[in-house]
Every structure is written in C-alpha cells, then in structure tokens.
Amino acid sequence: MLVLRLVQRTVKGRGARLFAALLFAVHPVHCEAVAGIVGRADLLATLCVLTGLAVDRSLPYTAALTVVGLACKETAIVLPVLIGVRKVIDRRKESDGVGEVCST
C-alpha cells in the first residue's frame, strides 16, 4: 500500500501504478527478508523509509522515522537523501512548468 501511494505521486496512469506496486509486492528479492527472523531488520527499515517518504511534509515524523529506521538497519540513512532528491525534482517541475514525471 505504501508503494502504491508513493507511485501515485509520480506516475500517471492507473495501470502503471498498480503494476509497480504489485511488482514490489511479489518480487522474489523479498523472499529472504520474509523467510527468516533475521530479515526483520530489513522489513522494519523498509517500512520506516516508505512511511517517511509518504509523510515527508512533516519534519518531526520524518526525523522520528529516520531514527527508528536507523535503529533497525543502517541502510535507512537514504531517507533524508531521497526526500531531498524529491524536493529538488519538485522545484524543477514547478520552475519548468512540467506536469507529471511519466504519462501513459
């Protein structure tokens, strides 16, 4: 659901959004993280990053999710970077007058 919400912000076209969310859900790379208890850290860090991207307009929540994600796994450090990249892209779209990133 989080992936679908994130894709709705960037991809135009219902079919493409649904395909991206379903691909994320059923991709075999997630099998290892779900199969064992060791993968718990990966799942929690991913949940924190995706939720942080979904609520990136609220700094306290984003900061808290970054800290929780880092407590789970150090790869969650990408959250502030991804939010920064998204803000740069949004500013460029506003200044260029460009609409959606992808149109189908």
C-alpha atoms as a PDB file:
ATOM      1  CA  MET A   1       0.000   0.000   0.000  1.00  0.00           C
ATOM      2  CA  LEU A   2       2.854   2.392   0.780  1.00  0.00           C
ATOM      3  CA  VAL A   3       4.495   1.719  -2.565  1.00  0.00           C
ATOM      4  CA  LEU A   4       1.190   2.303  -4.345  1.00  0.00           C
ATOM      5  CA  ARG A   5       0.765   5.630  -2.540  1.00  0.00           C
ATOM      6  CA  LEU A   6       4.305   6.720  -3.431  1.00  0.00           C
ATOM      7  CA  VAL A   7       3.885   5.714  -7.062  1.00  0.00           C
ATOM      8  CA  GLN A   8       0.604   7.647  -7.271  1.00  0.00           C
ATOM      9  CA  ARG A   9       2.571  10.836  -6.679  1.00  0.00           C
ATOM     10  CA  THR A  10       4.957  10.277  -9.568  1.00  0.00           C
ATOM     11  CA  VAL A  11       3.369   8.031 -12.189  1.00  0.00           C
ATOM     12  CA  LYS A  12       0.336   8.929 -14.239  1.00  0.00           C
ATOM     13  CA  GLY A  13      -1.874   6.063 -15.267  1.00  0.00           C
ATOM     14  CA  ARG A  14      -3.680   3.637 -13.004  1.00  0.00           C
ATOM     15  CA  GLY A  15      -2.325   0.518 -14.701  1.00  0.00           C
ATOM     16  CA  ALA A  16       1.301   1.599 -14.360  1.00  0.00           C
ATOM     17  CA  ARG A  17       0.832   2.448 -10.672  1.00  0.00           C
ATOM     18  CA  LEU A  18      -0.813  -0.879  -9.933  1.00  0.00           C
ATOM     19  CA  PHE A  19       1.881  -2.764 -11.860  1.00  0.00           C
ATOM     20  CA  ALA A  20       4.665  -1.043  -9.884  1.00  0.00           C
ATOM     21  CA  ALA A  21       3.018  -1.824  -6.531  1.00  0.00           C
ATOM     22  CA  LEU A  22       2.336  -5.455  -7.467  1.00  0.00           C
ATOM     23  CA  LEU A  23       5.870  -5.915  -8.775  1.00  0.00           C
ATOM     24  CA  PHE A  24       7.249  -4.654  -5.454  1.00  0.00           C
ATOM     25  CA  ALA A  25       4.912  -6.968  -3.528  1.00  0.00           C
ATOM     26  CA  VAL A  26       5.686 -10.193  -5.394  1.00  0.00           C
ATOM     27  CA  HIS A  27       9.307  -9.712  -6.408  1.00  0.00           C
ATOM     28  CA  PRO A  28      11.419 -12.697  -5.251  1.00  0.00           C
ATOM     29  CA  VAL A  29      14.080 -10.455  -3.703  1.00  0.00           C
ATOM     30  CA  HIS A  30      11.729 -10.022  -0.718  1.00  0.00           C
ATOM     31  CA  CYS A  31      11.595 -13.769  -0.040  1.00  0.00           C
ATOM     32  CA  GLU A  32      14.785 -13.785   2.022  1.00  0.00           C
ATOM     33  CA  ALA A  33      13.653 -10.944   4.264  1.00  0.00           C
ATOM     34  CA  VAL A  34      10.286 -12.556   4.947  1.00  0.00           C
ATOM     35  CA  ALA A  35      11.511 -16.152   5.253  1.00  0.00           C
ATOM     36  CA  GLY A  36      13.564 -15.750   8.415  1.00  0.00           C
ATOM     37  CA  ILE A  37      13.528 -13.764  11.600  1.00  0.00           C
ATOM     38  CA  VAL A  38      16.878 -12.288  10.595  1.00  0.00           C
ATOM     39  CA  GLY A  39      15.116 -10.339   7.835  1.00  0.00           C
ATOM     40  CA  ARG A  40      13.046  -8.457  10.411  1.00  0.00           C
ATOM     41  CA  ALA A  41      15.506  -5.563  10.369  1.00  0.00           C
ATOM     42  CA  ASP A  42      15.206  -5.219   6.581  1.00  0.00           C
ATOM     43  CA  LEU A  43      11.430  -5.167   6.742  1.00  0.00           C
ATOM     44  CA  LEU A  44      11.301  -2.612   9.542  1.00  0.00           C
ATOM     45  CA  ALA A  45      13.849  -0.341   7.867  1.00  0.00           C
ATOM     46  CA  THR A  46      11.921  -0.535   4.572  1.00  0.00           C
ATOM     47  CA  LEU A  47       8.679   0.239   6.375  1.00  0.00           C
ATOM     48  CA  CYS A  48      10.253   3.287   8.026  1.00  0.00           C
ATOM     49  CA  VAL A  49      11.710   4.585   4.750  1.00  0.00           C
ATOM     50  CA  LEU A  50       8.488   4.132   2.774  1.00  0.00           C
ATOM     51  CA  THR A  51       6.383   5.677   5.527  1.00  0.00           C
ATOM     52  CA  GLY A  52       8.857   8.544   5.813  1.00  0.00           C
ATOM     53  CA  LEU A  53       8.549   9.183   2.087  1.00  0.00           C
ATOM     54  CA  ALA A  54       4.771   9.138   2.382  1.00  0.00           C
ATOM     55  CA  VAL A  55       4.714  11.720   5.216  1.00  0.00           C
ATOM     56  CA  ASP A  56       7.742  13.781   4.188  1.00  0.00           C
ATOM     57  CA  ARG A  57       5.816  17.047   4.638  1.00  0.00           C
ATOM     58  CA  SER A  58       6.028  16.639   8.404  1.00  0.00           C
ATOM     59  CA  LEU A  59       9.569  17.096   9.717  1.00  0.00           C
ATOM     60  CA  PRO A  60       9.070  15.605  13.224  1.00  0.00           C
ATOM     61  CA  TYR A  61       7.552  12.401  11.846  1.00  0.00           C
ATOM     62  CA  THR A  62      10.216  12.099   9.164  1.00  0.00           C
ATOM     63  CA  ALA A  63      13.000  12.628  11.699  1.00  0.00           C
ATOM     64  CA  ALA A  64      11.481  10.054  14.054  1.00  0.00           C
ATOM     65  CA  LEU A  65      11.090   7.530  11.240  1.00  0.00           C
ATOM     66  CA  THR A  66      14.698   8.114  10.190  1.00  0.00           C
ATOM     67  CA  VAL A  67      15.914   7.426  13.732  1.00  0.00           C
ATOM     68  CA  VAL A  68      13.742   4.320  14.085  1.00  0.00           C
ATOM     69  CA  GLY A  69      14.830   3.105  10.654  1.00  0.00           C
ATOM     70  CA  LEU A  70      18.482   3.623  11.566  1.00  0.00           C
ATOM     71  CA  ALA A  71      17.944   1.687  14.780  1.00  0.00           C
ATOM     72  CA  CYS A  72      16.683  -1.204  12.665  1.00  0.00           C
ATOM     73  CA  LYS A  73      19.275  -1.082   9.912  1.00  0.00           C
ATOM     74  CA  GLU A  74      21.817   1.477   8.756  1.00  0.00           C
ATOM     75  CA  THR A  75      20.540   1.491   5.170  1.00  0.00           C
ATOM     76  CA  ALA A  76      17.650   3.700   6.323  1.00  0.00           C
ATOM     77  CA  ILE A  77      20.057   6.641   6.076  1.00  0.00           C
ATOM     78  CA  VAL A  78      18.810   7.018   2.499  1.00  0.00           C
ATOM     79  CA  LEU A  79      15.516   8.509   3.724  1.00  0.00           C
ATOM     80  CA  PRO A  80      16.737  12.122   4.096  1.00  0.00           C
ATOM     81  CA  VAL A  81      18.614  11.808   0.792  1.00  0.00           C
ATOM     82  CA  LEU A  82      15.504  10.554  -1.035  1.00  0.00           C
ATOM     83  CA  ILE A  83      13.397  13.352   0.424  1.00  0.00           C
ATOM     84  CA  GLY A  84      15.996  15.903  -0.659  1.00  0.00           C
ATOM     85  CA  VAL A  85      16.092  14.487  -4.185  1.00  0.00           C
ATOM     86  CA  ARG A  86      12.299  14.557  -4.366  1.00  0.00           C
ATOM     87  CA  LYS A  87      12.228  18.203  -3.240  1.00  0.00           C
ATOM     88  CA  VAL A  88      14.779  19.150  -5.911  1.00  0.00           C
ATOM     89  CA  ILE A  89      12.716  17.377  -8.567  1.00  0.00           C
ATOM     90  CA  ASP A  90       9.520  19.074  -7.348  1.00  0.00           C
ATOM     91  CA  ARG A  91      11.177  22.501  -7.510  1.00  0.00           C
ATOM     92  CA  ARG A  92      12.432  21.842 -11.029  1.00  0.00           C
ATOM     93  CA  LYS A  93       8.972  20.724 -12.130  1.00  0.00           C
ATOM     94  CA  GLU A  94       7.451  23.897 -10.677  1.00  0.00           C
ATOM     95  CA  SER A  95      10.029  26.166 -12.305  1.00  0.00           C
ATOM     96  CA  ASP A  96       9.869  24.402 -15.676  1.00  0.00           C
ATOM     97  CA  GLY A  97       6.088  24.082 -15.641  1.00  0.00           C
ATOM     98  CA  VAL A  98       6.389  20.363 -16.294  1.00  0.00           C
ATOM     99  CA  GLY A  99       3.477  18.138 -15.318  1.00  0.00           C
ATOM    100  CA  GLU A 100       3.786  14.512 -14.278  1.00  0.00           C
ATOM    101  CA  VAL A 101       7.072  12.605 -14.482  1.00  0.00           C
ATOM    102  CA  CYS A 102       5.579   9.811 -16.568  1.00  0.00           C
ATOM    103  CA  SER A 103       2.463   9.845 -18.664  1.00  0.00           C
ATOM    104  CA  THR A 104       0.835   6.748 -20.105  1.00  0.00           C
END
